[in-house]
C-alpha atoms as a PDB file:
ATOM      1  CA  MET A   1       0.116  -0.172   0.268  1.00  0.00           C
ATOM      2  CA  LYS A   2       3.067   2.220   0.244  1.00  0.00           C
ATOM      3  CA  THR A   3       4.270   2.081  -2.637  1.00  0.00           C
ATOM      4  CA  TYR A   4       0.879   2.524  -4.055  1.00  0.00           C
ATOM      5  CA  ARG A   5      -0.017   4.968  -2.187  1.00  0.00           C
ATOM      6  CA  GLU A   6       3.208   7.124  -3.220  1.00  0.00           C
ATOM      7  CA  GLN A   7       2.498   6.451  -6.595  1.00  0.00           C
ATOM      8  CA  VAL A   8      -0.993   8.451  -6.358  1.00  0.00           C
ATOM      9  CA  LEU A   9       0.678  11.167  -4.693  1.00  0.00           C
ATOM     10  CA  ILE A  10       3.047  11.498  -7.438  1.00  0.00           C
ATOM     11  CA  LYS A  11       0.226  11.799  -9.809  1.00  0.00           C
ATOM     12  CA  SER A  12      -2.326  13.898  -7.337  1.00  0.00           C
ATOM     13  CA  ILE A  13      -2.646  17.116  -9.716  1.00  0.00           C
ATOM     14  CA  THR A  14      -3.021  15.919 -12.988  1.00  0.00           C
ATOM     15  CA  SER A  15      -5.534  13.508 -10.721  1.00  0.00           C
ATOM     16  CA  TYR A  16      -7.306  16.964  -9.322  1.00  0.00           C
ATOM     17  CA  VAL A  17      -7.357  18.914 -12.288  1.00  0.00           C
ATOM     18  CA  SER A  18      -8.833  15.645 -14.173  1.00  0.00           C
ATOM     19  CA  SER A  19     -11.786  15.234 -11.483  1.00  0.00           C
ATOM     20  CA  ALA A  20     -12.217  19.191 -11.672  1.00  0.00           C
ATOM     21  CA  LEU A  21     -12.773  18.986 -15.352  1.00  0.00           C
ATOM     22  CA  SER A  22     -14.954  15.957 -15.405  1.00  0.00           C
ATOM     23  CA  ASN A  23     -15.903  13.977 -12.362  1.00  0.00           C
ATOM     24  CA  ASP A  24     -14.395  13.039  -8.940  1.00  0.00           C
ATOM     25  CA  ASN A  25     -14.702   9.007  -9.657  1.00  0.00           C
ATOM     26  CA  THR A  26     -11.512   9.483 -12.239  1.00  0.00           C
ATOM     27  CA  ARG A  27      -9.142  10.481  -9.064  1.00  0.00           C
ATOM     28  CA  PRO A  28      -7.643   6.811  -8.138  1.00  0.00           C
ATOM     29  CA  TYR A  29      -8.862   5.299  -4.603  1.00  0.00           C
ATOM     30  CA  ILE A  30      -6.198   6.515  -1.418  1.00  0.00           C
ATOM     31  CA  GLY A  31      -6.733   3.427   1.513  1.00  0.00           C
ATOM     32  CA  ASN A  32      -6.109   5.058   5.094  1.00  0.00           C
ATOM     33  CA  GLU A  33      -4.693   3.169   8.062  1.00  0.00           C
ATOM     34  CA  TYR A  34      -7.550   0.802   8.753  1.00  0.00           C
ATOM     35  CA  ASP A  35      -7.791   0.037   5.151  1.00  0.00           C
ATOM     36  CA  GLY A  36      -4.525  -1.758   5.351  1.00  0.00           C
ATOM     37  CA  ILE A  37      -5.475  -2.960   8.906  1.00  0.00           C
ATOM     38  CA  MET A  38      -8.453  -4.431   7.682  1.00  0.00           C
ATOM     39  CA  LEU A  39      -6.840  -6.073   4.362  1.00  0.00           C
ATOM     40  CA  ASN A  40      -4.542  -8.162   6.584  1.00  0.00           C
ATOM     41  CA  THR A  41      -6.906  -9.484   8.931  1.00  0.00           C
ATOM     42  CA  SER A  42      -9.298 -10.804   5.935  1.00  0.00           C
ATOM     43  CA  LYS A  43      -6.115 -12.474   4.603  1.00  0.00           C
ATOM     44  CA  ALA A  44      -5.271 -13.706   7.647  1.00  0.00           C
ATOM     45  CA  LEU A  45      -9.063 -15.503   7.901  1.00  0.00           C
ATOM     46  CA  SER A  46      -8.470 -16.909   4.449  1.00  0.00           C
ATOM     47  CA  TYR A  47      -5.024 -18.600   5.275  1.00  0.00           C
ATOM     48  CA  LEU A  48      -7.004 -19.754   8.307  1.00  0.00           C
ATOM     49  CA  HIS A  49      -9.599 -21.130   6.262  1.00  0.00           C
ATOM     50  CA  LYS A  50      -6.650 -23.004   4.129  1.00  0.00           C
ATOM     51  CA  LYS A  51      -5.552 -24.363   7.677  1.00  0.00           C
ATOM     52  CA  ASP A  52      -2.093 -22.328   6.599  1.00  0.00           C
ATOM     53  CA  TYR A  53      -1.957 -21.258  10.589  1.00  0.00           C
ATOM     54  CA  SER A  54       1.623 -19.833   9.959  1.00  0.00           C
ATOM     55  CA  GLY A  55       1.010 -17.623   7.153  1.00  0.00           C
ATOM     56  CA  ALA A  56      -2.179 -16.219   9.653  1.00  0.00           C
ATOM     57  CA  ARG A  57       0.090 -15.862  11.928  1.00  0.00           C
ATOM     58  CA  VAL A  58       2.086 -13.607   9.594  1.00  0.00           C
ATOM     59  CA  LYS A  59      -1.094 -11.590   8.471  1.00  0.00           C
ATOM     60  CA  PHE A  60      -2.460 -11.418  11.811  1.00  0.00           C
ATOM     61  CA  ASN A  61       1.099 -10.021  13.135  1.00  0.00           C
ATOM     62  CA  ARG A  62       1.091  -7.396  10.047  1.00  0.00           C
ATOM     63  CA  ALA A  63      -2.727  -6.463  11.191  1.00  0.00           C
ATOM     64  CA  LEU A  64      -1.594  -5.590  14.859  1.00  0.00           C
ATOM     65  CA  ASP A  65       1.515  -4.232  13.778  1.00  0.00           C
ATOM     66  CA  LYS A  66      -0.286  -1.726  11.171  1.00  0.00           C
ATOM     67  CA  GLN A  67      -3.175  -1.033  14.087  1.00  0.00           C
ATOM     68  CA  ARG A  68      -0.095   0.018  16.521  1.00  0.00           C
ATOM     69  CA  ARG A  69       1.031   2.480  13.833  1.00  0.00           C
ATOM     70  CA  ALA A  70      -2.665   3.474  12.890  1.00  0.00           C
ATOM     71  CA  LYS A  71      -2.664   4.407  16.860  1.00  0.00           C
ATOM     72  CA  GLU A  72       0.093   6.325  17.227  1.00  0.00           C
ATOM     73  CA  PHE A  73      -1.085   8.545  13.724  1.00  0.00           C
ATOM     74  CA  PHE A  74      -4.024   9.153  15.399  1.00  0.00           C
ATOM     75  CA  SER A  75      -3.058   9.820  19.137  1.00  0.00           C
ATOM     76  CA  GLU A  76      -4.106  13.261  19.023  1.00  0.00           C
ATOM     77  CA  SER A  77      -7.605  12.585  17.505  1.00  0.00           C
ATOM     78  CA  ILE A  78      -7.837   9.859  20.275  1.00  0.00           C
ATOM     79  CA  SER A  79      -7.035  11.707  23.355  1.00  0.00           C
END
């Protein structure tokens, strides 16, 4: 998601101009912190369904790490 977000930010000026001229739906979607958490959680559940417990553990750990980073990012808003 980080790489995708960087690519989107590079193209943001042209996308805002094109969306202003045509439609807001022309701009690409930029995910938020919670999108990454839910994506990793969904992947982990998929691994559990396949009985791949080590893969599920990795995805759950990534989701927890993203959750920790989101907590740091939104710490001022939470208080």
